[in-house]
């Protein structure tokens, strides 16, 4: 699990990677020192659940990746089995590479869970 996090964190522009239980408890993380993963983990679970509810209401299908874009970066949240994989990135990223890396990491993580 640690190797998956390290691989994701090594991508240019990634400033934090977390694995979060479905109830919001932090399982593991690698983040820059100015980020509090404990504070973010509970919110990740809530954001994913609420986003999923919105999509179900609109009949757009199941949520693949929740993506919150802000002025200085983006938060990506993907459900993997019974946990969430969350990435925090700077604004200047290769979106295709991030999405592909999340997909590949999710497959690796699901084998471990």
N, C-alpha and C. Protein backbone atom coordinates (compact mmCIF):
# COMPACT_ATOMS: atom_id res chain seq x y z
N UNK A 1 0.83 -1.19 0.00
CA UNK A 1 0.00 0.00 0.00
C UNK A 1 0.88 1.26 0.00
N UNK A 2 1.93 1.22 0.78
CA UNK A 2 2.85 2.36 0.87
C UNK A 2 3.50 2.64 -0.49
N UNK A 3 3.82 1.58 -1.23
CA UNK A 3 4.45 1.75 -2.55
C UNK A 3 3.49 2.42 -3.53
N UNK A 4 2.22 2.09 -3.46
CA UNK A 4 1.22 2.73 -4.33
C UNK A 4 1.17 4.22 -4.05
N UNK A 5 1.16 4.57 -2.77
CA UNK A 5 1.14 5.99 -2.39
C UNK A 5 2.40 6.71 -2.86
N UNK A 6 3.55 6.08 -2.68
CA UNK A 6 4.82 6.70 -3.10
C UNK A 6 4.85 6.95 -4.61
N UNK A 7 4.35 5.97 -5.36
CA UNK A 7 4.32 6.10 -6.81
C UNK A 7 3.46 7.30 -7.23
N UNK A 8 2.29 7.40 -6.63
CA UNK A 8 1.40 8.52 -6.97
C UNK A 8 1.99 9.86 -6.54
N UNK A 9 2.59 9.89 -5.36
CA UNK A 9 3.17 11.14 -4.84
C UNK A 9 4.34 11.60 -5.69
N UNK A 10 4.99 10.69 -6.40
CA UNK A 10 6.15 11.05 -7.21
C UNK A 10 5.77 11.75 -8.52
N UNK A 11 4.50 11.74 -8.87
CA UNK A 11 4.05 12.39 -10.10
C UNK A 11 4.15 13.90 -9.93
N UNK A 12 4.69 14.56 -10.93
CA UNK A 12 4.86 16.01 -10.86
C UNK A 12 3.51 16.69 -10.62
N UNK A 13 3.48 17.55 -9.60
CA UNK A 13 2.28 18.30 -9.28
C UNK A 13 1.44 17.70 -8.17
N UNK A 14 1.69 16.44 -7.81
CA UNK A 14 0.93 15.80 -6.72
C UNK A 14 1.53 16.23 -5.39
N UNK A 15 0.70 16.80 -4.53
CA UNK A 15 1.18 17.29 -3.24
C UNK A 15 0.69 16.44 -2.06
N UNK A 16 -0.22 15.52 -2.34
CA UNK A 16 -0.70 14.66 -1.27
C UNK A 16 -1.49 13.47 -1.81
N UNK A 17 -1.34 12.34 -1.14
CA UNK A 17 -2.06 11.12 -1.49
C UNK A 17 -2.53 10.49 -0.19
N UNK A 18 -3.80 10.07 -0.16
CA UNK A 18 -4.37 9.49 1.05
C UNK A 18 -5.24 8.29 0.72
N UNK A 19 -5.26 7.34 1.63
CA UNK A 19 -6.22 6.25 1.58
C UNK A 19 -7.10 6.42 2.81
N UNK A 20 -8.40 6.49 2.57
CA UNK A 20 -9.36 6.87 3.61
C UNK A 20 -10.45 5.80 3.70
N UNK A 21 -10.80 5.40 4.91
CA UNK A 21 -11.91 4.47 5.11
C UNK A 21 -13.21 5.14 4.71
N UNK A 22 -14.23 4.34 4.43
CA UNK A 22 -15.51 4.89 3.97
C UNK A 22 -16.16 5.80 5.02
N UNK A 23 -15.80 5.64 6.29
CA UNK A 23 -16.35 6.52 7.33
C UNK A 23 -15.49 7.77 7.55
N UNK A 24 -14.42 7.91 6.76
CA UNK A 24 -13.60 9.12 6.83
C UNK A 24 -12.32 8.99 7.65
N UNK A 25 -12.09 7.83 8.26
CA UNK A 25 -10.85 7.65 9.02
C UNK A 25 -9.67 7.45 8.08
N UNK A 26 -8.58 8.10 8.40
CA UNK A 26 -7.38 8.02 7.57
C UNK A 26 -6.68 6.69 7.81
N UNK A 27 -6.37 5.98 6.71
CA UNK A 27 -5.64 4.72 6.79
C UNK A 27 -4.15 4.97 6.62
N UNK A 28 -3.80 5.73 5.57
CA UNK A 28 -2.40 6.00 5.27
C UNK A 28 -2.32 7.24 4.40
N UNK A 29 -1.20 7.95 4.46
CA UNK A 29 -1.06 9.14 3.63
C UNK A 29 0.41 9.51 3.45
N UNK A 30 0.67 10.18 2.34
CA UNK A 30 1.94 10.85 2.10
C UNK A 30 1.57 12.23 1.59
N UNK A 31 1.82 13.24 2.40
CA UNK A 31 1.43 14.60 2.04
C UNK A 31 2.55 15.58 2.38
N UNK A 32 2.51 16.73 1.73
CA UNK A 32 3.46 17.77 2.07
C UNK A 32 3.16 18.27 3.48
N UNK A 33 4.15 18.84 4.13
CA UNK A 33 4.06 19.17 5.55
C UNK A 33 2.98 20.19 5.89
N UNK A 34 2.56 21.00 4.95
CA UNK A 34 1.54 22.02 5.25
C UNK A 34 0.11 21.49 5.11
N UNK A 35 -0.04 20.20 4.86
CA UNK A 35 -1.36 19.59 4.68
C UNK A 35 -1.67 18.69 5.87
N UNK A 36 -2.87 18.82 6.41
CA UNK A 36 -3.31 17.99 7.54
C UNK A 36 -4.22 16.88 6.99
N UNK A 37 -3.69 15.68 6.78
CA UNK A 37 -4.50 14.62 6.18
C UNK A 37 -5.68 14.19 7.05
N UNK A 38 -5.53 14.29 8.36
CA UNK A 38 -6.63 13.92 9.26
C UNK A 38 -7.84 14.84 9.05
N UNK A 39 -7.58 16.11 8.84
CA UNK A 39 -8.66 17.09 8.63
C UNK A 39 -9.36 16.86 7.29
N UNK A 40 -8.60 16.43 6.30
CA UNK A 40 -9.14 16.27 4.96
C UNK A 40 -9.87 14.94 4.79
N UNK A 41 -9.42 13.90 5.47
CA UNK A 41 -9.93 12.55 5.22
C UNK A 41 -11.44 12.42 5.43
N UNK A 42 -11.96 12.98 6.49
CA UNK A 42 -13.40 12.91 6.74
C UNK A 42 -14.20 13.64 5.69
N UNK A 43 -13.67 14.75 5.24
CA UNK A 43 -14.35 15.52 4.21
C UNK A 43 -14.36 14.79 2.87
N UNK A 44 -13.30 14.04 2.58
CA UNK A 44 -13.24 13.28 1.33
C UNK A 44 -14.40 12.29 1.24
N UNK A 45 -14.64 11.56 2.30
CA UNK A 45 -15.72 10.59 2.31
C UNK A 45 -17.07 11.28 2.12
N UNK A 46 -17.26 12.40 2.78
CA UNK A 46 -18.50 13.15 2.68
C UNK A 46 -18.71 13.71 1.27
N UNK A 47 -17.67 14.28 0.69
CA UNK A 47 -17.75 14.83 -0.67
C UNK A 47 -18.12 13.74 -1.66
N UNK A 48 -17.49 12.59 -1.54
CA UNK A 48 -17.77 11.49 -2.48
C UNK A 48 -19.22 11.03 -2.35
N UNK A 49 -19.67 10.82 -1.12
CA UNK A 49 -21.05 10.36 -0.91
C UNK A 49 -22.05 11.37 -1.45
N UNK A 50 -21.84 12.66 -1.16
CA UNK A 50 -22.77 13.68 -1.63
C UNK A 50 -22.76 13.80 -3.15
N UNK A 51 -21.59 13.72 -3.76
CA UNK A 51 -21.49 13.78 -5.22
C UNK A 51 -22.20 12.59 -5.86
N UNK A 52 -22.03 11.44 -5.25
CA UNK A 52 -22.68 10.23 -5.75
C UNK A 52 -24.21 10.36 -5.69
N UNK A 53 -24.70 10.95 -4.60
CA UNK A 53 -26.15 11.17 -4.46
C UNK A 53 -26.69 12.09 -5.54
N UNK A 54 -25.94 13.14 -5.84
CA UNK A 54 -26.36 14.07 -6.89
C UNK A 54 -26.45 13.35 -8.22
N UNK A 55 -25.45 12.56 -8.55
CA UNK A 55 -25.45 11.84 -9.82
C UNK A 55 -26.58 10.81 -9.90
N UNK A 56 -26.86 10.14 -8.80
CA UNK A 56 -27.96 9.19 -8.78
C UNK A 56 -29.29 9.89 -9.01
N UNK A 57 -29.45 11.08 -8.44
CA UNK A 57 -30.68 11.86 -8.60
C UNK A 57 -30.87 12.30 -10.04
N UNK A 58 -29.79 12.56 -10.74
CA UNK A 58 -29.87 13.05 -12.11
C UNK A 58 -29.79 11.94 -13.15
N UNK A 59 -29.70 10.68 -12.71
CA UNK A 59 -29.62 9.52 -13.60
C UNK A 59 -28.42 9.57 -14.54
N UNK A 60 -27.31 10.13 -14.08
CA UNK A 60 -26.10 10.18 -14.89
C UNK A 60 -25.20 8.95 -14.69
N UNK A 61 -25.60 8.06 -13.80
CA UNK A 61 -24.81 6.85 -13.56
C UNK A 61 -23.99 6.95 -12.29
N UNK A 62 -23.16 5.94 -12.08
CA UNK A 62 -22.36 5.87 -10.86
C UNK A 62 -21.13 6.78 -10.97
N UNK A 63 -20.70 7.29 -9.87
CA UNK A 63 -19.57 8.21 -9.81
C UNK A 63 -18.26 7.44 -9.97
N UNK A 64 -17.44 7.86 -10.92
CA UNK A 64 -16.12 7.27 -11.14
C UNK A 64 -15.08 7.97 -10.27
N UNK A 65 -14.91 9.26 -10.52
CA UNK A 65 -13.94 10.07 -9.78
C UNK A 65 -14.57 11.41 -9.46
N UNK A 66 -14.54 11.80 -8.19
CA UNK A 66 -14.96 13.15 -7.81
C UNK A 66 -13.75 14.05 -7.98
N UNK A 67 -13.96 15.17 -8.63
CA UNK A 67 -12.86 16.09 -8.92
C UNK A 67 -13.30 17.50 -8.52
N UNK A 68 -12.60 18.07 -7.54
CA UNK A 68 -12.90 19.43 -7.10
C UNK A 68 -11.76 20.35 -7.51
N UNK A 69 -12.04 21.24 -8.45
CA UNK A 69 -11.02 22.17 -8.93
C UNK A 69 -11.12 23.47 -8.17
N UNK A 70 -9.98 23.96 -7.73
CA UNK A 70 -9.91 25.22 -7.00
C UNK A 70 -8.89 26.14 -7.68
N UNK A 71 -8.74 27.32 -7.15
CA UNK A 71 -7.81 28.30 -7.74
C UNK A 71 -6.39 27.76 -7.82
N UNK A 72 -5.96 27.03 -6.79
CA UNK A 72 -4.55 26.62 -6.72
C UNK A 72 -4.31 25.13 -6.89
N UNK A 73 -5.36 24.36 -7.19
CA UNK A 73 -5.15 22.93 -7.35
C UNK A 73 -6.44 22.16 -7.44
N UNK A 74 -6.31 20.84 -7.37
CA UNK A 74 -7.46 19.96 -7.55
C UNK A 74 -7.40 18.81 -6.55
N UNK A 75 -8.57 18.41 -6.07
CA UNK A 75 -8.71 17.23 -5.23
C UNK A 75 -9.44 16.17 -6.04
N UNK A 76 -8.83 14.98 -6.15
CA UNK A 76 -9.43 13.84 -6.83
C UNK A 76 -9.77 12.80 -5.77
N UNK A 77 -10.98 12.22 -5.86
CA UNK A 77 -11.38 11.17 -4.93
C UNK A 77 -11.98 10.02 -5.74
N UNK A 78 -11.45 8.82 -5.52
CA UNK A 78 -11.96 7.63 -6.20
C UNK A 78 -12.23 6.54 -5.18
N UNK A 79 -13.37 5.92 -5.31
CA UNK A 79 -13.70 4.79 -4.42
C UNK A 79 -12.99 3.54 -4.95
N UNK A 80 -12.35 2.81 -4.04
CA UNK A 80 -11.69 1.55 -4.37
C UNK A 80 -12.16 0.55 -3.32
N UNK A 81 -12.99 -0.39 -3.75
CA UNK A 81 -13.58 -1.35 -2.80
C UNK A 81 -14.31 -0.58 -1.70
N UNK A 82 -13.86 -0.72 -0.46
CA UNK A 82 -14.52 -0.04 0.66
C UNK A 82 -13.74 1.17 1.18
N UNK A 83 -12.77 1.65 0.42
CA UNK A 83 -11.97 2.81 0.84
C UNK A 83 -11.98 3.85 -0.28
N UNK A 84 -11.43 5.02 0.04
CA UNK A 84 -11.27 6.07 -0.95
C UNK A 84 -9.79 6.35 -1.16
N UNK A 85 -9.44 6.59 -2.40
CA UNK A 85 -8.11 7.04 -2.77
C UNK A 85 -8.25 8.52 -3.10
N UNK A 86 -7.51 9.37 -2.41
CA UNK A 86 -7.61 10.81 -2.63
C UNK A 86 -6.25 11.38 -3.01
N UNK A 87 -6.25 12.26 -4.01
CA UNK A 87 -5.03 12.94 -4.45
C UNK A 87 -5.26 14.44 -4.41
N UNK A 88 -4.28 15.15 -3.91
CA UNK A 88 -4.28 16.61 -3.96
C UNK A 88 -3.18 17.03 -4.93
N UNK A 89 -3.51 17.93 -5.84
CA UNK A 89 -2.53 18.35 -6.83
C UNK A 89 -2.46 19.86 -6.94
N UNK A 90 -1.34 20.33 -7.45
CA UNK A 90 -1.22 21.73 -7.82
C UNK A 90 -2.04 21.96 -9.08
N UNK A 91 -2.18 23.19 -9.45
CA UNK A 91 -2.98 23.52 -10.64
C UNK A 91 -2.33 23.01 -11.93
N UNK A 92 -1.01 23.12 -12.02
CA UNK A 92 -0.30 22.74 -13.24
C UNK A 92 0.01 21.24 -13.22
N UNK A 93 -0.90 20.46 -13.75
CA UNK A 93 -0.72 19.00 -13.80
C UNK A 93 -1.08 18.49 -15.18
N UNK A 94 -0.67 17.28 -15.46
CA UNK A 94 -1.09 16.58 -16.66
C UNK A 94 -2.32 15.77 -16.27
N UNK A 95 -3.50 16.30 -16.60
CA UNK A 95 -4.75 15.68 -16.16
C UNK A 95 -4.89 14.24 -16.65
N UNK A 96 -4.51 13.98 -17.89
CA UNK A 96 -4.59 12.62 -18.42
C UNK A 96 -3.71 11.66 -17.64
N UNK A 97 -2.50 12.09 -17.32
CA UNK A 97 -1.58 11.25 -16.55
C UNK A 97 -2.14 10.99 -15.15
N UNK A 98 -2.70 12.01 -14.52
CA UNK A 98 -3.27 11.84 -13.17
C UNK A 98 -4.42 10.84 -13.21
N UNK A 99 -5.33 11.01 -14.16
CA UNK A 99 -6.49 10.10 -14.24
C UNK A 99 -6.05 8.66 -14.52
N UNK A 100 -5.09 8.48 -15.41
CA UNK A 100 -4.57 7.14 -15.71
C UNK A 100 -3.88 6.54 -14.49
N UNK A 101 -3.11 7.36 -13.79
CA UNK A 101 -2.40 6.90 -12.59
C UNK A 101 -3.37 6.50 -11.49
N UNK A 102 -4.45 7.26 -11.34
CA UNK A 102 -5.48 6.92 -10.35
C UNK A 102 -6.12 5.58 -10.72
N UNK A 103 -6.42 5.41 -11.99
CA UNK A 103 -7.03 4.17 -12.45
C UNK A 103 -6.12 2.97 -12.17
N UNK A 104 -4.84 3.10 -12.53
CA UNK A 104 -3.89 2.00 -12.31
C UNK A 104 -3.68 1.73 -10.83
N UNK A 105 -3.55 2.79 -10.03
CA UNK A 105 -3.35 2.62 -8.59
C UNK A 105 -4.57 1.96 -7.95
N UNK A 106 -5.75 2.29 -8.45
CA UNK A 106 -6.99 1.70 -7.92
C UNK A 106 -7.00 0.19 -8.14
N UNK A 107 -6.55 -0.24 -9.32
CA UNK A 107 -6.49 -1.67 -9.61
C UNK A 107 -5.51 -2.37 -8.67
N UNK A 108 -4.34 -1.75 -8.47
CA UNK A 108 -3.33 -2.32 -7.57
C UNK A 108 -3.85 -2.38 -6.14
N UNK A 109 -4.50 -1.31 -5.72
CA UNK A 109 -5.02 -1.22 -4.35
C UNK A 109 -6.12 -2.24 -4.10
N UNK A 110 -6.99 -2.44 -5.09
CA UNK A 110 -8.10 -3.38 -4.90
C UNK A 110 -7.59 -4.81 -4.72
N UNK A 111 -6.43 -5.13 -5.29
CA UNK A 111 -5.83 -6.45 -5.10
C UNK A 111 -5.38 -6.63 -3.64
N UNK A 112 -4.90 -5.54 -3.03
CA UNK A 112 -4.41 -5.60 -1.66
C UNK A 112 -5.51 -5.61 -0.62
N UNK A 113 -6.68 -5.13 -0.99
CA UNK A 113 -7.77 -4.99 -0.01
C UNK A 113 -8.61 -6.25 0.12
